Amino acid sequence: MREGPERVWFQLYVLRDRAFVAKLVDLFWLSFFDKAGEPTTEHYRAVVAVPVWLNVMMITFEIAAWTTLFSVLAGYPVAYLLATSGEATRGRLRFFDIQIEMLAPDTAQLISRYQLDRPQNPQHGINTRLMKKRDGQWVIALNHVSSKEAPCDAATK
C-alpha cells in the first residue's frame, strides 16, 4: 500500500467521522441528566410542554419528510434512466492498480485508480473504500472518490 496523501486524507476522514459520532452519542447521553448529574427526563418533557420547542421540532420533521419525498420522487426516475441507458451514454468504468490492506480481521482498506471512458466528460481518479465484514459478508463502510475530468483523447486510451 502506498504511503502518501491518499492514506493521510483517508485517516483524517475516519477520525472526523468518529469524532462526530462520539459527540452525538455524548450529547444524547447528557440529555438524560440535569446540571447536578441526576437522571431526568426534564429536557424531553420541556420539548412537549413548551409550544415553541415543539413547533421547531415539528418543522424540522416536516422539512426532513419533504426532503425525503422529493429525493425519492426525483431519484428513482434518474436511477432508472441511468440503469437502462446504453454503454454509449453511461460510458465504461474500469478499475486498476487495486491495492488491499487488511487493517484488522474484519476491516480492510481498498485503494484503486479508475477511468470512466465516455464521449462527454471522461474522468479518472482515485477511489478509497473502507470495507467491513458483517455477518460473513464484506460491505463498503466508507467510500471516497477523488476525480478530475480527463482530456477527451483519454477516452480512447
N, C-alpha and C. Protein backbone atom coordinates (compact mmCIF):
# COMPACT_ATOMS: atom_id res chain seq x y z
N MET A 1 0.85 -1.18 0.00
CA MET A 1 0.00 0.00 0.00
C MET A 1 0.88 1.24 0.00
N ARG A 2 0.51 2.20 -0.80
CA ARG A 2 1.27 3.44 -0.88
C ARG A 2 1.09 4.26 0.38
N GLU A 3 2.16 4.85 0.80
CA GLU A 3 2.08 5.86 1.85
C GLU A 3 2.00 7.19 1.11
N GLY A 4 1.15 8.04 1.53
CA GLY A 4 1.07 9.31 0.84
C GLY A 4 -0.20 10.04 1.17
N PRO A 5 -0.54 11.02 0.34
CA PRO A 5 -1.69 11.87 0.62
C PRO A 5 -3.00 11.11 0.71
N GLU A 6 -3.17 10.04 -0.12
CA GLU A 6 -4.43 9.30 -0.08
C GLU A 6 -4.66 8.71 1.30
N ARG A 7 -3.63 8.11 1.85
CA ARG A 7 -3.75 7.46 3.16
C ARG A 7 -4.01 8.50 4.26
N VAL A 8 -3.31 9.62 4.19
CA VAL A 8 -3.49 10.67 5.20
C VAL A 8 -4.92 11.20 5.16
N TRP A 9 -5.43 11.49 3.94
CA TRP A 9 -6.80 12.00 3.83
C TRP A 9 -7.80 10.98 4.33
N PHE A 10 -7.59 9.71 4.00
CA PHE A 10 -8.49 8.66 4.45
C PHE A 10 -8.52 8.61 5.98
N GLN A 11 -7.35 8.65 6.61
CA GLN A 11 -7.29 8.61 8.07
C GLN A 11 -7.96 9.84 8.68
N LEU A 12 -7.81 10.99 8.06
CA LEU A 12 -8.48 12.20 8.56
C LEU A 12 -10.00 12.08 8.46
N TYR A 13 -10.50 11.51 7.35
CA TYR A 13 -11.95 11.30 7.21
C TYR A 13 -12.47 10.37 8.29
N VAL A 14 -11.77 9.28 8.53
CA VAL A 14 -12.20 8.32 9.55
C VAL A 14 -12.19 8.98 10.92
N LEU A 15 -11.14 9.72 11.23
CA LEU A 15 -11.04 10.41 12.51
C LEU A 15 -12.17 11.42 12.68
N ARG A 16 -12.44 12.20 11.63
CA ARG A 16 -13.52 13.19 11.69
C ARG A 16 -14.86 12.52 11.94
N ASP A 17 -15.13 11.42 11.23
CA ASP A 17 -16.41 10.73 11.40
C ASP A 17 -16.55 10.14 12.79
N ARG A 18 -15.49 9.57 13.32
CA ARG A 18 -15.54 9.01 14.68
C ARG A 18 -15.79 10.11 15.70
N ALA A 19 -15.14 11.25 15.54
CA ALA A 19 -15.33 12.37 16.47
C ALA A 19 -16.77 12.88 16.41
N PHE A 20 -17.33 12.97 15.21
CA PHE A 20 -18.71 13.44 15.05
C PHE A 20 -19.69 12.49 15.73
N VAL A 21 -19.55 11.21 15.49
CA VAL A 21 -20.44 10.22 16.11
C VAL A 21 -20.27 10.23 17.62
N ALA A 22 -19.04 10.34 18.10
CA ALA A 22 -18.80 10.37 19.55
C ALA A 22 -19.49 11.57 20.19
N LYS A 23 -19.43 12.72 19.53
CA LYS A 23 -20.10 13.92 20.08
C LYS A 23 -21.62 13.74 20.10
N LEU A 24 -22.19 13.15 19.05
CA LEU A 24 -23.63 12.91 19.02
C LEU A 24 -24.06 11.98 20.15
N VAL A 25 -23.32 10.91 20.34
CA VAL A 25 -23.63 9.96 21.42
C VAL A 25 -23.50 10.65 22.76
N ASP A 26 -22.46 11.45 22.93
CA ASP A 26 -22.25 12.18 24.18
C ASP A 26 -23.40 13.14 24.46
N LEU A 27 -23.84 13.90 23.46
CA LEU A 27 -24.96 14.83 23.66
C LEU A 27 -26.26 14.09 23.99
N PHE A 28 -26.50 12.99 23.31
CA PHE A 28 -27.69 12.21 23.58
C PHE A 28 -27.66 11.69 25.02
N TRP A 29 -26.50 11.18 25.44
CA TRP A 29 -26.35 10.66 26.80
C TRP A 29 -26.58 11.78 27.83
N LEU A 30 -26.00 12.95 27.60
CA LEU A 30 -26.14 14.07 28.54
C LEU A 30 -27.57 14.58 28.61
N SER A 31 -28.37 14.37 27.59
CA SER A 31 -29.74 14.87 27.60
C SER A 31 -30.60 14.17 28.65
N PHE A 32 -30.14 13.07 29.18
CA PHE A 32 -30.89 12.34 30.21
C PHE A 32 -30.46 12.70 31.63
N PHE A 33 -29.63 13.76 31.78
CA PHE A 33 -29.16 14.16 33.09
C PHE A 33 -29.35 15.66 33.27
N ASP A 34 -29.59 16.08 34.54
CA ASP A 34 -29.70 17.51 34.82
C ASP A 34 -28.32 18.07 35.13
N LYS A 35 -28.26 19.36 35.51
CA LYS A 35 -26.96 20.00 35.76
C LYS A 35 -26.21 19.39 36.93
N ALA A 36 -26.94 18.80 37.87
CA ALA A 36 -26.30 18.16 39.02
C ALA A 36 -25.85 16.74 38.70
N GLY A 37 -26.18 16.24 37.52
CA GLY A 37 -25.78 14.90 37.14
C GLY A 37 -26.79 13.82 37.51
N GLU A 38 -27.97 14.24 37.94
CA GLU A 38 -29.02 13.28 38.30
C GLU A 38 -29.83 12.91 37.06
N PRO A 39 -30.21 11.64 36.94
CA PRO A 39 -31.04 11.23 35.79
C PRO A 39 -32.38 11.97 35.78
N THR A 40 -32.80 12.40 34.57
CA THR A 40 -34.06 13.12 34.43
C THR A 40 -34.57 13.03 32.99
N THR A 41 -35.87 13.21 32.86
CA THR A 41 -36.47 13.33 31.52
C THR A 41 -36.99 14.76 31.31
N GLU A 42 -36.52 15.67 32.16
CA GLU A 42 -36.97 17.06 32.14
C GLU A 42 -36.83 17.70 30.75
N HIS A 43 -35.72 17.45 30.08
CA HIS A 43 -35.49 18.07 28.78
C HIS A 43 -36.53 17.62 27.76
N TYR A 44 -36.88 16.35 27.78
CA TYR A 44 -37.84 15.83 26.81
C TYR A 44 -39.27 16.26 27.17
N ARG A 45 -39.57 16.39 28.46
CA ARG A 45 -40.88 16.91 28.86
C ARG A 45 -41.02 18.37 28.46
N ALA A 46 -39.92 19.13 28.52
CA ALA A 46 -39.96 20.55 28.15
C ALA A 46 -40.25 20.72 26.66
N VAL A 47 -39.73 19.82 25.83
CA VAL A 47 -39.99 19.91 24.39
C VAL A 47 -41.48 19.80 24.11
N VAL A 48 -42.16 18.93 24.83
CA VAL A 48 -43.59 18.74 24.62
C VAL A 48 -44.39 19.86 25.29
N ALA A 49 -43.91 20.35 26.43
CA ALA A 49 -44.67 21.34 27.21
C ALA A 49 -44.55 22.76 26.66
N VAL A 50 -43.42 23.12 26.10
CA VAL A 50 -43.20 24.48 25.59
C VAL A 50 -43.56 24.50 24.11
N PRO A 51 -44.60 25.26 23.73
CA PRO A 51 -45.07 25.26 22.34
C PRO A 51 -43.99 25.62 21.30
N VAL A 52 -43.11 26.53 21.62
CA VAL A 52 -42.09 26.94 20.66
C VAL A 52 -41.16 25.77 20.33
N TRP A 53 -40.72 25.05 21.34
CA TRP A 53 -39.81 23.93 21.11
C TRP A 53 -40.50 22.83 20.31
N LEU A 54 -41.73 22.55 20.66
CA LEU A 54 -42.48 21.52 19.94
C LEU A 54 -42.69 21.95 18.48
N ASN A 55 -42.99 23.23 18.28
CA ASN A 55 -43.18 23.76 16.93
C ASN A 55 -41.90 23.64 16.10
N VAL A 56 -40.76 23.99 16.70
CA VAL A 56 -39.48 23.89 16.00
C VAL A 56 -39.19 22.43 15.63
N MET A 57 -39.45 21.51 16.55
CA MET A 57 -39.22 20.10 16.28
C MET A 57 -40.13 19.60 15.16
N MET A 58 -41.38 20.01 15.16
CA MET A 58 -42.32 19.58 14.13
C MET A 58 -41.92 20.15 12.76
N ILE A 59 -41.45 21.40 12.73
CA ILE A 59 -40.99 21.99 11.47
C ILE A 59 -39.77 21.21 10.95
N THR A 60 -38.87 20.84 11.85
CA THR A 60 -37.70 20.07 11.46
C THR A 60 -38.10 18.74 10.84
N PHE A 61 -39.05 18.02 11.48
CA PHE A 61 -39.51 16.74 10.94
C PHE A 61 -40.24 16.94 9.61
N GLU A 62 -40.98 18.03 9.47
CA GLU A 62 -41.68 18.29 8.21
C GLU A 62 -40.68 18.55 7.07
N ILE A 63 -39.65 19.33 7.35
CA ILE A 63 -38.63 19.59 6.33
C ILE A 63 -37.94 18.29 5.95
N ALA A 64 -37.63 17.46 6.92
CA ALA A 64 -36.98 16.17 6.64
C ALA A 64 -37.89 15.28 5.80
N ALA A 65 -39.19 15.27 6.10
CA ALA A 65 -40.13 14.44 5.34
C ALA A 65 -40.25 14.93 3.89
N TRP A 66 -40.37 16.24 3.68
CA TRP A 66 -40.46 16.78 2.32
C TRP A 66 -39.17 16.51 1.54
N THR A 67 -38.03 16.69 2.20
CA THR A 67 -36.75 16.43 1.54
C THR A 67 -36.65 14.97 1.11
N THR A 68 -37.05 14.06 1.99
CA THR A 68 -37.03 12.63 1.66
C THR A 68 -37.96 12.34 0.50
N LEU A 69 -39.17 12.88 0.54
CA LEU A 69 -40.14 12.63 -0.52
C LEU A 69 -39.62 13.12 -1.88
N PHE A 70 -39.11 14.36 -1.93
CA PHE A 70 -38.61 14.89 -3.20
C PHE A 70 -37.38 14.12 -3.69
N SER A 71 -36.53 13.70 -2.77
CA SER A 71 -35.35 12.91 -3.16
C SER A 71 -35.76 11.59 -3.77
N VAL A 72 -36.75 10.93 -3.19
CA VAL A 72 -37.23 9.65 -3.73
C VAL A 72 -37.91 9.86 -5.07
N LEU A 73 -38.79 10.87 -5.15
CA LEU A 73 -39.50 11.12 -6.40
C LEU A 73 -38.56 11.50 -7.55
N ALA A 74 -37.51 12.24 -7.26
CA ALA A 74 -36.56 12.62 -8.30
C ALA A 74 -35.50 11.54 -8.51
N GLY A 75 -35.12 10.86 -7.45
CA GLY A 75 -34.03 9.90 -7.51
C GLY A 75 -34.34 8.64 -8.29
N TYR A 76 -35.53 8.08 -8.09
CA TYR A 76 -35.85 6.82 -8.76
C TYR A 76 -35.93 6.96 -10.28
N PRO A 77 -36.59 7.98 -10.83
CA PRO A 77 -36.58 8.11 -12.29
C PRO A 77 -35.17 8.30 -12.86
N VAL A 78 -34.36 9.09 -12.20
CA VAL A 78 -33.00 9.31 -12.67
C VAL A 78 -32.20 8.01 -12.61
N ALA A 79 -32.33 7.27 -11.51
CA ALA A 79 -31.64 5.99 -11.39
C ALA A 79 -32.11 5.00 -12.46
N TYR A 80 -33.40 5.00 -12.74
CA TYR A 80 -33.93 4.11 -13.79
C TYR A 80 -33.34 4.46 -15.15
N LEU A 81 -33.31 5.75 -15.46
CA LEU A 81 -32.74 6.18 -16.75
C LEU A 81 -31.27 5.80 -16.86
N LEU A 82 -30.53 5.98 -15.78
CA LEU A 82 -29.11 5.61 -15.80
C LEU A 82 -28.93 4.11 -15.94
N ALA A 83 -29.77 3.34 -15.26
CA ALA A 83 -29.64 1.88 -15.29
C ALA A 83 -30.02 1.29 -16.63
N THR A 84 -30.94 1.93 -17.34
CA THR A 84 -31.41 1.36 -18.60
C THR A 84 -30.76 1.99 -19.82
N SER A 85 -29.92 3.00 -19.63
CA SER A 85 -29.26 3.61 -20.78
C SER A 85 -28.12 2.71 -21.25
N GLY A 86 -27.72 2.88 -22.47
CA GLY A 86 -26.67 2.05 -23.05
C GLY A 86 -25.29 2.48 -22.63
N GLU A 87 -24.30 1.64 -22.96
CA GLU A 87 -22.92 1.94 -22.60
C GLU A 87 -22.43 3.21 -23.28
N ALA A 88 -22.95 3.51 -24.44
CA ALA A 88 -22.54 4.73 -25.14
C ALA A 88 -22.89 5.98 -24.33
N THR A 89 -23.98 5.92 -23.60
CA THR A 89 -24.39 7.05 -22.77
C THR A 89 -23.68 7.04 -21.42
N ARG A 90 -23.70 5.88 -20.78
CA ARG A 90 -23.11 5.76 -19.45
C ARG A 90 -21.60 5.81 -19.48
N GLY A 91 -21.03 5.19 -20.52
CA GLY A 91 -19.59 5.06 -20.58
C GLY A 91 -19.15 3.71 -20.02
N ARG A 92 -17.84 3.52 -19.96
CA ARG A 92 -17.28 2.28 -19.46
C ARG A 92 -16.36 2.61 -18.30
N LEU A 93 -16.59 1.98 -17.15
CA LEU A 93 -15.81 2.23 -15.94
C LEU A 93 -14.83 1.08 -15.74
N ARG A 94 -13.55 1.43 -15.60
CA ARG A 94 -12.50 0.43 -15.37
C ARG A 94 -11.72 0.79 -14.12
N PHE A 95 -11.41 -0.22 -13.31
CA PHE A 95 -10.58 -0.05 -12.11
C PHE A 95 -9.25 -0.74 -12.35
N PHE A 96 -8.16 -0.14 -11.84
CA PHE A 96 -6.84 -0.75 -11.97
C PHE A 96 -5.96 -0.27 -10.83
N ASP A 97 -4.76 -0.85 -10.74
CA ASP A 97 -3.84 -0.58 -9.62
C ASP A 97 -4.54 -0.79 -8.28
N ILE A 98 -5.27 -1.89 -8.16
CA ILE A 98 -6.05 -2.16 -6.95
C ILE A 98 -5.12 -2.68 -5.86
N GLN A 99 -5.18 -2.02 -4.70
CA GLN A 99 -4.37 -2.42 -3.54
C GLN A 99 -5.30 -2.61 -2.36
N ILE A 100 -5.12 -3.72 -1.66
CA ILE A 100 -5.95 -4.02 -0.49
C ILE A 100 -5.03 -4.19 0.71
N GLU A 101 -5.33 -3.49 1.79
CA GLU A 101 -4.57 -3.62 3.02
C GLU A 101 -5.52 -4.04 4.13
N MET A 102 -5.22 -5.16 4.77
CA MET A 102 -6.03 -5.63 5.89
C MET A 102 -5.65 -4.79 7.11
N LEU A 103 -6.63 -4.08 7.68
CA LEU A 103 -6.39 -3.25 8.86
C LEU A 103 -6.69 -4.03 10.14
N ALA A 104 -7.58 -5.00 10.03
CA ALA A 104 -7.97 -5.89 11.13
C ALA A 104 -8.62 -7.11 10.48
N PRO A 105 -8.88 -8.17 11.23
CA PRO A 105 -9.50 -9.35 10.61
C PRO A 105 -10.85 -9.05 9.93
N ASP A 106 -11.56 -8.04 10.40
CA ASP A 106 -12.86 -7.72 9.82
C ASP A 106 -12.88 -6.36 9.13
N THR A 107 -11.71 -5.77 8.87
CA THR A 107 -11.63 -4.45 8.26
C THR A 107 -10.50 -4.42 7.23
N ALA A 108 -10.81 -3.88 6.07
CA ALA A 108 -9.80 -3.75 5.02
C ALA A 108 -9.95 -2.40 4.33
N GLN A 109 -8.85 -1.91 3.82
CA GLN A 109 -8.85 -0.67 3.05
C GLN A 109 -8.48 -1.00 1.62
N LEU A 110 -9.30 -0.55 0.68
CA LEU A 110 -9.05 -0.78 -0.74
C LEU A 110 -8.81 0.57 -1.39
N ILE A 111 -7.70 0.67 -2.09
CA ILE A 111 -7.39 1.89 -2.84
C ILE A 111 -7.15 1.48 -4.28
N SER A 112 -7.80 2.14 -5.21
CA SER A 112 -7.61 1.82 -6.63
C SER A 112 -7.69 3.10 -7.45
N ARG A 113 -7.20 3.00 -8.67
CA ARG A 113 -7.38 4.07 -9.63
C ARG A 113 -8.50 3.64 -10.56
N TYR A 114 -9.17 4.62 -11.15
CA TYR A 114 -10.25 4.28 -12.07
C TYR A 114 -10.22 5.21 -13.27
N GLN A 115 -10.87 4.76 -14.32
CA GLN A 115 -11.03 5.59 -15.52
C GLN A 115 -12.44 5.36 -16.06
N LEU A 116 -13.16 6.43 -16.25
CA LEU A 116 -14.50 6.38 -16.84
C LEU A 116 -14.40 6.91 -18.26
N ASP A 117 -14.51 5.98 -19.23
CA ASP A 117 -14.44 6.36 -20.65
C ASP A 117 -15.85 6.59 -21.16
N ARG A 118 -16.12 7.79 -21.64
CA ARG A 118 -17.41 8.13 -22.24
C ARG A 118 -17.19 9.29 -23.19
N PRO A 119 -18.13 9.47 -24.13
CA PRO A 119 -17.94 10.54 -25.13
C PRO A 119 -17.80 11.93 -24.54
N GLN A 120 -18.61 12.23 -23.54
CA GLN A 120 -18.53 13.55 -22.91
C GLN A 120 -18.04 13.41 -21.48
N ASN A 121 -17.18 14.30 -21.07
CA ASN A 121 -16.66 14.37 -19.71
C ASN A 121 -16.05 13.07 -19.19
N PRO A 122 -15.08 12.50 -19.88
CA PRO A 122 -14.41 11.33 -19.31
C PRO A 122 -13.70 11.73 -18.01
N GLN A 123 -13.57 10.80 -17.09
CA GLN A 123 -12.95 11.10 -15.79
C GLN A 123 -11.95 10.03 -15.42
N HIS A 124 -11.03 10.41 -14.54
CA HIS A 124 -10.13 9.44 -13.92
C HIS A 124 -9.86 9.92 -12.51
N GLY A 125 -9.42 9.01 -11.67
CA GLY A 125 -9.14 9.41 -10.30
C GLY A 125 -8.78 8.25 -9.41
N ILE A 126 -8.91 8.49 -8.12
CA ILE A 126 -8.57 7.51 -7.09
C ILE A 126 -9.82 7.22 -6.28
N ASN A 127 -10.02 5.95 -5.97
CA ASN A 127 -11.17 5.50 -5.18
C ASN A 127 -10.63 4.83 -3.92
N THR A 128 -11.10 5.27 -2.76
CA THR A 128 -10.70 4.68 -1.49
C THR A 128 -11.94 4.13 -0.81
N ARG A 129 -11.87 2.87 -0.40
CA ARG A 129 -13.01 2.24 0.28
C ARG A 129 -12.54 1.60 1.58
N LEU A 130 -13.34 1.79 2.61
CA LEU A 130 -13.15 1.07 3.86
C LEU A 130 -14.17 -0.05 3.87
N MET A 131 -13.69 -1.29 3.92
CA MET A 131 -14.57 -2.45 3.87
C MET A 131 -14.65 -3.07 5.26
N LYS A 132 -15.86 -3.48 5.65
CA LYS A 132 -16.09 -4.15 6.94
C LYS A 132 -16.74 -5.50 6.67
N LYS A 133 -16.40 -6.48 7.47
CA LYS A 133 -17.02 -7.80 7.34
C LYS A 133 -18.18 -7.86 8.33
N ARG A 134 -19.40 -7.99 7.81
CA ARG A 134 -20.61 -8.04 8.63
C ARG A 134 -21.36 -9.32 8.30
N ASP A 135 -21.61 -10.14 9.29
CA ASP A 135 -22.33 -11.40 9.10
C ASP A 135 -21.71 -12.23 7.98
N GLY A 136 -20.38 -12.28 7.93
CA GLY A 136 -19.68 -13.09 6.95
C GLY A 136 -19.58 -12.48 5.57
N GLN A 137 -20.12 -11.29 5.35
CA GLN A 137 -20.08 -10.62 4.05
C GLN A 137 -19.28 -9.33 4.15
N TRP A 138 -18.49 -9.05 3.11
CA TRP A 138 -17.75 -7.79 3.07
C TRP A 138 -18.68 -6.70 2.51
N VAL A 139 -18.78 -5.60 3.23
CA VAL A 139 -19.61 -4.47 2.80
C VAL A 139 -18.77 -3.20 2.81
N ILE A 140 -19.18 -2.22 2.01
CA ILE A 140 -18.50 -0.93 1.96
C ILE A 140 -19.01 -0.07 3.11
N ALA A 141 -18.12 0.26 4.03
CA ALA A 141 -18.49 1.12 5.15
C ALA A 141 -18.25 2.59 4.83
N LEU A 142 -17.28 2.88 3.97
CA LEU A 142 -16.95 4.25 3.61
C LEU A 142 -16.37 4.24 2.20
N ASN A 143 -16.80 5.16 1.38
CA ASN A 143 -16.30 5.26 0.01
C ASN A 143 -15.93 6.71 -0.27
N HIS A 144 -14.74 6.93 -0.77
CA HIS A 144 -14.32 8.28 -1.13
C HIS A 144 -13.72 8.26 -2.53
N VAL A 145 -14.12 9.20 -3.35
CA VAL A 145 -13.62 9.29 -4.72
C VAL A 145 -13.02 10.68 -4.94
N SER A 146 -11.79 10.70 -5.41
CA SER A 146 -11.15 11.94 -5.85
C SER A 146 -11.02 11.83 -7.36
N SER A 147 -11.64 12.75 -8.10
CA SER A 147 -11.62 12.62 -9.56
C SER A 147 -11.35 13.95 -10.23
N LYS A 148 -10.99 13.82 -11.50
CA LYS A 148 -10.89 15.01 -12.34
C LYS A 148 -11.22 14.58 -13.76
N GLU A 149 -11.71 15.53 -14.51
CA GLU A 149 -12.04 15.23 -15.90
C GLU A 149 -10.77 14.99 -16.68
N ALA A 150 -10.84 13.96 -17.52
CA ALA A 150 -9.69 13.63 -18.35
C ALA A 150 -9.78 14.38 -19.67
N PRO A 151 -8.67 14.57 -20.33
CA PRO A 151 -8.74 15.15 -21.68
C PRO A 151 -9.56 14.22 -22.57
N CYS A 152 -10.23 14.75 -23.56
CA CYS A 152 -11.12 13.97 -24.40
C CYS A 152 -10.43 12.80 -25.08
N ASP A 153 -9.13 12.91 -25.42
CA ASP A 153 -8.46 11.80 -26.06
C ASP A 153 -8.16 10.66 -25.09
N ALA A 154 -8.30 10.88 -23.77
CA ALA A 154 -8.08 9.83 -22.78
C ALA A 154 -9.14 8.75 -22.88
N ALA A 155 -10.31 9.08 -23.42
CA ALA A 155 -11.38 8.10 -23.56
C ALA A 155 -11.02 7.01 -24.55
N THR A 156 -10.07 7.26 -25.43
CA THR A 156 -9.68 6.25 -26.41
C THR A 156 -8.48 5.44 -25.93
N LYS A 157 -7.96 5.73 -24.76
CA LYS A 157 -6.78 5.09 -24.20
C LYS A 157 -6.98 3.61 -23.96
